[in-house]
Amino acid sequence: MKVSVDQDRCQGHTLCAMIAPKVFQLSEIDGHSSPVAEEVPAGEEEAAQEAVRSCPERAISVTRTT
């Protein structure tokens, strides 16, 4: 799976960092969660999907890779 974040729509919620910590990291400066990996690590697929569902701006998307 590959994760993408629409930076124009993202309002900096930290929830995605709490749900999928191997995919997102929490900035100490402004509380903004930003993607740290385009590829979702093994075992994190379900957490990444939950981050997508929880994003109020619908700024996160994941796509299946082969």
PDB file of N, CA and C in Angstrom:
ATOM      1  N   MET A   1       0.832  -1.183   0.000  1.00  0.00           N
ATOM      2  CA  MET A   1       0.000   0.000   0.000  1.00  0.00           C
ATOM      3  C   MET A   1       0.875   1.245   0.000  1.00  0.00           C
ATOM      4  N   LYS A   2       0.378   2.262  -0.661  1.00  0.00           N
ATOM      5  CA  LYS A   2       1.076   3.544  -0.691  1.00  0.00           C
ATOM      6  C   LYS A   2       0.152   4.593  -0.083  1.00  0.00           C
ATOM      7  N   VAL A   3       0.718   5.454   0.753  1.00  0.00           N
ATOM      8  CA  VAL A   3      -0.077   6.487   1.407  1.00  0.00           C
ATOM      9  C   VAL A   3       0.224   7.847   0.784  1.00  0.00           C
ATOM     10  N   SER A   4      -0.809   8.657   0.641  1.00  0.00           N
ATOM     11  CA  SER A   4      -0.660  10.015   0.127  1.00  0.00           C
ATOM     12  C   SER A   4      -1.433  10.963   1.024  1.00  0.00           C
ATOM     13  N   VAL A   5      -0.875  12.140   1.254  1.00  0.00           N
ATOM     14  CA  VAL A   5      -1.553  13.165   2.041  1.00  0.00           C
ATOM     15  C   VAL A   5      -1.675  14.423   1.191  1.00  0.00           C
ATOM     16  N   ASP A   6      -2.887  14.911   1.058  1.00  0.00           N
ATOM     17  CA  ASP A   6      -3.144  16.150   0.337  1.00  0.00           C
ATOM     18  C   ASP A   6      -2.812  17.304   1.288  1.00  0.00           C
ATOM     19  N   GLN A   7      -1.639  17.887   1.118  1.00  0.00           N
ATOM     20  CA  GLN A   7      -1.167  18.920   2.050  1.00  0.00           C
ATOM     21  C   GLN A   7      -2.063  20.153   2.047  1.00  0.00           C
ATOM     22  N   ASP A   8      -2.747  20.420   0.944  1.00  0.00           N
ATOM     23  CA  ASP A   8      -3.640  21.573   0.892  1.00  0.00           C
ATOM     24  C   ASP A   8      -4.886  21.367   1.746  1.00  0.00           C
ATOM     25  N   ARG A   9      -5.321  20.117   1.885  1.00  0.00           N
ATOM     26  CA  ARG A   9      -6.523  19.822   2.659  1.00  0.00           C
ATOM     27  C   ARG A   9      -6.215  19.498   4.110  1.00  0.00           C
ATOM     28  N   CYS A  10      -5.009  19.006   4.392  1.00  0.00           N
ATOM     29  CA  CYS A  10      -4.650  18.583   5.744  1.00  0.00           C
ATOM     30  C   CYS A  10      -4.583  19.787   6.676  1.00  0.00           C
ATOM     31  N   GLN A  11      -5.285  19.692   7.792  1.00  0.00           N
ATOM     32  CA  GLN A  11      -5.300  20.775   8.770  1.00  0.00           C
ATOM     33  C   GLN A  11      -4.412  20.490   9.978  1.00  0.00           C
ATOM     34  N   GLY A  12      -3.568  19.474   9.879  1.00  0.00           N
ATOM     35  CA  GLY A  12      -2.592  19.222  10.932  1.00  0.00           C
ATOM     36  C   GLY A  12      -3.096  18.444  12.125  1.00  0.00           C
ATOM     37  N   HIS A  13      -4.093  17.604  11.939  1.00  0.00           N
ATOM     38  CA  HIS A  13      -4.566  16.797  13.054  1.00  0.00           C
ATOM     39  C   HIS A  13      -3.527  15.747  13.417  1.00  0.00           C
ATOM     40  N   THR A  14      -3.440  15.439  14.690  1.00  0.00           N
ATOM     41  CA  THR A  14      -2.440  14.479  15.154  1.00  0.00           C
ATOM     42  C   THR A  14      -2.974  13.064  15.220  1.00  0.00           C
ATOM     43  N   LEU A  15      -4.273  12.893  14.947  1.00  0.00           N
ATOM     44  CA  LEU A  15      -4.884  11.577  15.081  1.00  0.00           C
ATOM     45  C   LEU A  15      -4.224  10.548  14.176  1.00  0.00           C
ATOM     46  N   CYS A  16      -3.863  10.939  12.963  1.00  0.00           N
ATOM     47  CA  CYS A  16      -3.260   9.967  12.055  1.00  0.00           C
ATOM     48  C   CYS A  16      -1.918   9.468  12.595  1.00  0.00           C
ATOM     49  N   ALA A  17      -1.192  10.327  13.300  1.00  0.00           N
ATOM     50  CA  ALA A  17       0.085   9.905  13.874  1.00  0.00           C
ATOM     51  C   ALA A  17      -0.121   8.916  15.013  1.00  0.00           C
ATOM     52  N   MET A  18      -1.218   9.063  15.723  1.00  0.00           N
ATOM     53  CA  MET A  18      -1.493   8.139  16.820  1.00  0.00           C
ATOM     54  C   MET A  18      -1.975   6.798  16.296  1.00  0.00           C
ATOM     55  N   ILE A  19      -2.712   6.818  15.187  1.00  0.00           N
ATOM     56  CA  ILE A  19      -3.282   5.584  14.651  1.00  0.00           C
ATOM     57  C   ILE A  19      -2.249   4.777  13.878  1.00  0.00           C
ATOM     58  N   ALA A  20      -1.462   5.441  13.063  1.00  0.00           N
ATOM     59  CA  ALA A  20      -0.499   4.736  12.209  1.00  0.00           C
ATOM     60  C   ALA A  20       0.904   5.313  12.414  1.00  0.00           C
ATOM     61  N   PRO A  21       1.507   5.050  13.564  1.00  0.00           N
ATOM     62  CA  PRO A  21       2.779   5.712  13.902  1.00  0.00           C
ATOM     63  C   PRO A  21       3.943   5.381  12.978  1.00  0.00           C
ATOM     64  N   LYS A  22       3.907   4.225  12.304  1.00  0.00           N
ATOM     65  CA  LYS A  22       5.018   3.896  11.407  1.00  0.00           C
ATOM     66  C   LYS A  22       4.888   4.592  10.063  1.00  0.00           C
ATOM     67  N   VAL A  23       3.711   5.143   9.802  1.00  0.00           N
ATOM     68  CA  VAL A  23       3.464   5.827   8.544  1.00  0.00           C
ATOM     69  C   VAL A  23       3.532   7.347   8.724  1.00  0.00           C
ATOM     70  N   PHE A  24       3.103   7.830   9.889  1.00  0.00           N
ATOM     71  CA  PHE A  24       3.058   9.257  10.153  1.00  0.00           C
ATOM     72  C   PHE A  24       3.912   9.588  11.364  1.00  0.00           C
ATOM     73  N   GLN A  25       4.448  10.795  11.392  1.00  0.00           N
ATOM     74  CA  GLN A  25       5.178  11.255  12.569  1.00  0.00           C
ATOM     75  C   GLN A  25       4.563  12.563  13.054  1.00  0.00           C
ATOM     76  N   LEU A  26       4.758  12.860  14.325  1.00  0.00           N
ATOM     77  CA  LEU A  26       4.206  14.056  14.933  1.00  0.00           C
ATOM     78  C   LEU A  26       5.291  15.113  15.035  1.00  0.00           C
ATOM     79  N   SER A  27       5.052  16.270  14.422  1.00  0.00           N
ATOM     80  CA  SER A  27       5.998  17.377  14.510  1.00  0.00           C
ATOM     81  C   SER A  27       5.910  17.995  15.895  1.00  0.00           C
ATOM     82  N   GLU A  28       7.027  18.233  16.517  1.00  0.00           N
ATOM     83  CA  GLU A  28       7.053  18.831  17.851  1.00  0.00           C
ATOM     84  C   GLU A  28       6.671  20.302  17.799  1.00  0.00           C
ATOM     85  N   ILE A  29       6.806  20.933  16.652  1.00  0.00           N
ATOM     86  CA  ILE A  29       6.615  22.381  16.563  1.00  0.00           C
ATOM     87  C   ILE A  29       5.141  22.764  16.544  1.00  0.00           C
ATOM     88  N   ASP A  30       4.370  22.173  15.646  1.00  0.00           N
ATOM     89  CA  ASP A  30       3.002  22.640  15.477  1.00  0.00           C
ATOM     90  C   ASP A  30       1.954  21.547  15.623  1.00  0.00           C
ATOM     91  N   GLY A  31       2.355  20.368  16.052  1.00  0.00           N
ATOM     92  CA  GLY A  31       1.389  19.295  16.215  1.00  0.00           C
ATOM     93  C   GLY A  31       0.878  18.728  14.911  1.00  0.00           C
ATOM     94  N   HIS A  32       1.576  19.008  13.832  1.00  0.00           N
ATOM     95  CA  HIS A  32       1.140  18.569  12.508  1.00  0.00           C
ATOM     96  C   HIS A  32       1.652  17.166  12.232  1.00  0.00           C
ATOM     97  N   SER A  33       0.780  16.313  11.750  1.00  0.00           N
ATOM     98  CA  SER A  33       1.178  14.969  11.362  1.00  0.00           C
ATOM     99  C   SER A  33       1.563  14.982   9.893  1.00  0.00           C
ATOM    100  N   SER A  34       2.705  14.438   9.584  1.00  0.00           N
ATOM    101  CA  SER A  34       3.123  14.423   8.196  1.00  0.00           C
ATOM    102  C   SER A  34       3.583  13.015   7.828  1.00  0.00           C
ATOM    103  N   PRO A  35       3.431  12.642   6.559  1.00  0.00           N
ATOM    104  CA  PRO A  35       3.833  11.301   6.160  1.00  0.00           C
ATOM    105  C   PRO A  35       5.341  11.139   6.215  1.00  0.00           C
ATOM    106  N   VAL A  36       5.799  10.005   6.719  1.00  0.00           N
ATOM    107  CA  VAL A  36       7.221   9.727   6.755  1.00  0.00           C
ATOM    108  C   VAL A  36       7.583   8.594   5.797  1.00  0.00           C
ATOM    109  N   ALA A  37       6.589   7.889   5.301  1.00  0.00           N
ATOM    110  CA  ALA A  37       6.852   6.790   4.382  1.00  0.00           C
ATOM    111  C   ALA A  37       5.741   6.731   3.351  1.00  0.00           C
ATOM    112  N   GLU A  38       6.119   6.630   2.098  1.00  0.00           N
ATOM    113  CA  GLU A  38       5.098   6.473   1.061  1.00  0.00           C
ATOM    114  C   GLU A  38       4.535   5.064   1.089  1.00  0.00           C
ATOM    115  N   GLU A  39       5.390   4.094   1.363  1.00  0.00           N
ATOM    116  CA  GLU A  39       4.932   2.710   1.409  1.00  0.00           C
ATOM    117  C   GLU A  39       4.533   2.373   2.840  1.00  0.00           C
ATOM    118  N   VAL A  40       3.367   1.780   2.996  1.00  0.00           N
ATOM    119  CA  VAL A  40       2.889   1.385   4.314  1.00  0.00           C
ATOM    120  C   VAL A  40       3.637   0.127   4.747  1.00  0.00           C
ATOM    121  N   PRO A  41       4.289   0.145   5.922  1.00  0.00           N
ATOM    122  CA  PRO A  41       5.024  -1.034   6.375  1.00  0.00           C
ATOM    123  C   PRO A  41       4.100  -2.232   6.592  1.00  0.00           C
ATOM    124  N   ALA A  42       4.659  -3.422   6.467  1.00  0.00           N
ATOM    125  CA  ALA A  42       3.885  -4.639   6.703  1.00  0.00           C
ATOM    126  C   ALA A  42       3.291  -4.599   8.100  1.00  0.00           C
ATOM    127  N   GLY A  43       2.038  -4.959   8.209  1.00  0.00           N
ATOM    128  CA  GLY A  43       1.362  -4.961   9.493  1.00  0.00           C
ATOM    129  C   GLY A  43       0.708  -3.643   9.847  1.00  0.00           C
ATOM    130  N   GLU A  44       0.940  -2.596   9.065  1.00  0.00           N
ATOM    131  CA  GLU A  44       0.359  -1.287   9.348  1.00  0.00           C
ATOM    132  C   GLU A  44      -0.805  -0.948   8.419  1.00  0.00           C
ATOM    133  N   GLU A  45      -1.168  -1.890   7.533  1.00  0.00           N
ATOM    134  CA  GLU A  45      -2.209  -1.591   6.554  1.00  0.00           C
ATOM    135  C   GLU A  45      -3.535  -1.224   7.216  1.00  0.00           C
ATOM    136  N   GLU A  46      -3.926  -1.987   8.229  1.00  0.00           N
ATOM    137  CA  GLU A  46      -5.204  -1.725   8.888  1.00  0.00           C
ATOM    138  C   GLU A  46      -5.180  -0.371   9.594  1.00  0.00           C
ATOM    139  N   ALA A  47      -4.060  -0.050  10.243  1.00  0.00           N
ATOM    140  CA  ALA A  47      -3.934   1.240  10.915  1.00  0.00           C
ATOM    141  C   ALA A  47      -3.978   2.385   9.913  1.00  0.00           C
ATOM    142  N   ALA A  48      -3.356   2.196   8.753  1.00  0.00           N
ATOM    143  CA  ALA A  48      -3.383   3.237   7.730  1.00  0.00           C
ATOM    144  C   ALA A  48      -4.805   3.449   7.221  1.00  0.00           C
ATOM    145  N   GLN A  49      -5.553   2.364   7.038  1.00  0.00           N
ATOM    146  CA  GLN A  49      -6.940   2.483   6.598  1.00  0.00           C
ATOM    147  C   GLN A  49      -7.774   3.223   7.652  1.00  0.00           C
ATOM    148  N   GLU A  50      -7.509   2.964   8.936  1.00  0.00           N
ATOM    149  CA  GLU A  50      -8.223   3.654  10.005  1.00  0.00           C
ATOM    150  C   GLU A  50      -7.877   5.146  10.005  1.00  0.00           C
ATOM    151  N   ALA A  51      -6.623   5.476   9.709  1.00  0.00           N
ATOM    152  CA  ALA A  51      -6.230   6.886   9.615  1.00  0.00           C
ATOM    153  C   ALA A  51      -6.990   7.575   8.488  1.00  0.00           C
ATOM    154  N   VAL A  52      -7.156   6.873   7.374  1.00  0.00           N
ATOM    155  CA  VAL A  52      -7.914   7.424   6.248  1.00  0.00           C
ATOM    156  C   VAL A  52      -9.350   7.701   6.675  1.00  0.00           C
ATOM    157  N   ARG A  53      -9.961   6.730   7.354  1.00  0.00           N
ATOM    158  CA  ARG A  53     -11.356   6.891   7.778  1.00  0.00           C
ATOM    159  C   ARG A  53     -11.519   7.985   8.825  1.00  0.00           C
ATOM    160  N   SER A  54     -10.500   8.222   9.649  1.00  0.00           N
ATOM    161  CA  SER A  54     -10.624   9.178  10.751  1.00  0.00           C
ATOM    162  C   SER A  54     -10.296  10.613  10.358  1.00  0.00           C
ATOM    163  N   CYS A  55      -9.713  10.807   9.188  1.00  0.00           N
ATOM    164  CA  CYS A  55      -9.277  12.150   8.791  1.00  0.00           C
ATOM    165  C   CYS A  55     -10.493  13.032   8.491  1.00  0.00           C
ATOM    166  N   PRO A  56     -10.697  14.111   9.275  1.00  0.00           N
ATOM    167  CA  PRO A  56     -11.870  14.963   9.059  1.00  0.00           C
ATOM    168  C   PRO A  56     -11.868  15.666   7.705  1.00  0.00           C
ATOM    169  N   GLU A  57     -10.688  15.922   7.165  1.00  0.00           N
ATOM    170  CA  GLU A  57     -10.598  16.615   5.873  1.00  0.00           C
ATOM    171  C   GLU A  57     -10.553  15.668   4.695  1.00  0.00           C
ATOM    172  N   ARG A  58     -10.537  14.362   4.976  1.00  0.00           N
ATOM    173  CA  ARG A  58     -10.372  13.354   3.922  1.00  0.00           C
ATOM    174  C   ARG A  58      -9.121  13.663   3.087  1.00  0.00           C
ATOM    175  N   ALA A  59      -8.051  14.017   3.798  1.00  0.00           N
ATOM    176  CA  ALA A  59      -6.816  14.414   3.124  1.00  0.00           C
ATOM    177  C   ALA A  59      -5.862  13.236   2.918  1.00  0.00           C
ATOM    178  N   ILE A  60      -6.152  12.091   3.526  1.00  0.00           N
ATOM    179  CA  ILE A  60      -5.267  10.935   3.440  1.00  0.00           C
ATOM    180  C   ILE A  60      -5.889   9.904   2.511  1.00  0.00           C
ATOM    181  N   SER A  61      -5.080   9.334   1.654  1.00  0.00           N
ATOM    182  CA  SER A  61      -5.562   8.248   0.806  1.00  0.00           C
ATOM    183  C   SER A  61      -4.485   7.166   0.736  1.00  0.00           C
ATOM    184  N   VAL A  62      -4.927   5.937   0.573  1.00  0.00           N
ATOM    185  CA  VAL A  62      -4.000   4.834   0.367  1.00  0.00           C
ATOM    186  C   VAL A  62      -4.401   4.092  -0.882  1.00  0.00           C
ATOM    187  N   THR A  63      -3.419   3.578  -1.584  1.00  0.00           N
ATOM    188  CA  THR A  63      -3.677   2.795  -2.777  1.00  0.00           C
ATOM    189  C   THR A  63      -2.913   1.480  -2.662  1.00  0.00           C
ATOM    190  N   ARG A  64      -3.480   0.464  -3.208  1.00  0.00           N
ATOM    191  CA  ARG A  64      -2.830  -0.857  -3.210  1.00  0.00           C
ATOM    192  C   ARG A  64      -1.718  -0.883  -4.253  1.00  0.00           C
ATOM    193  N   THR A  65      -0.597  -1.427  -3.867  1.00  0.00           N
ATOM    194  CA  THR A  65       0.500  -1.614  -4.810  1.00  0.00           C
ATOM    195  C   THR A  65       0.711  -3.113  -4.986  1.00  0.00           C
ATOM    196  N   THR A  66       1.262  -3.465  -6.127  1.00  0.00           N
ATOM    197  CA  THR A  66       1.456  -4.887  -6.388  1.00  0.00           C
ATOM    198  C   THR A  66       2.904  -5.278  -6.225  1.00  0.00           C
TER     199      THR A  66
END
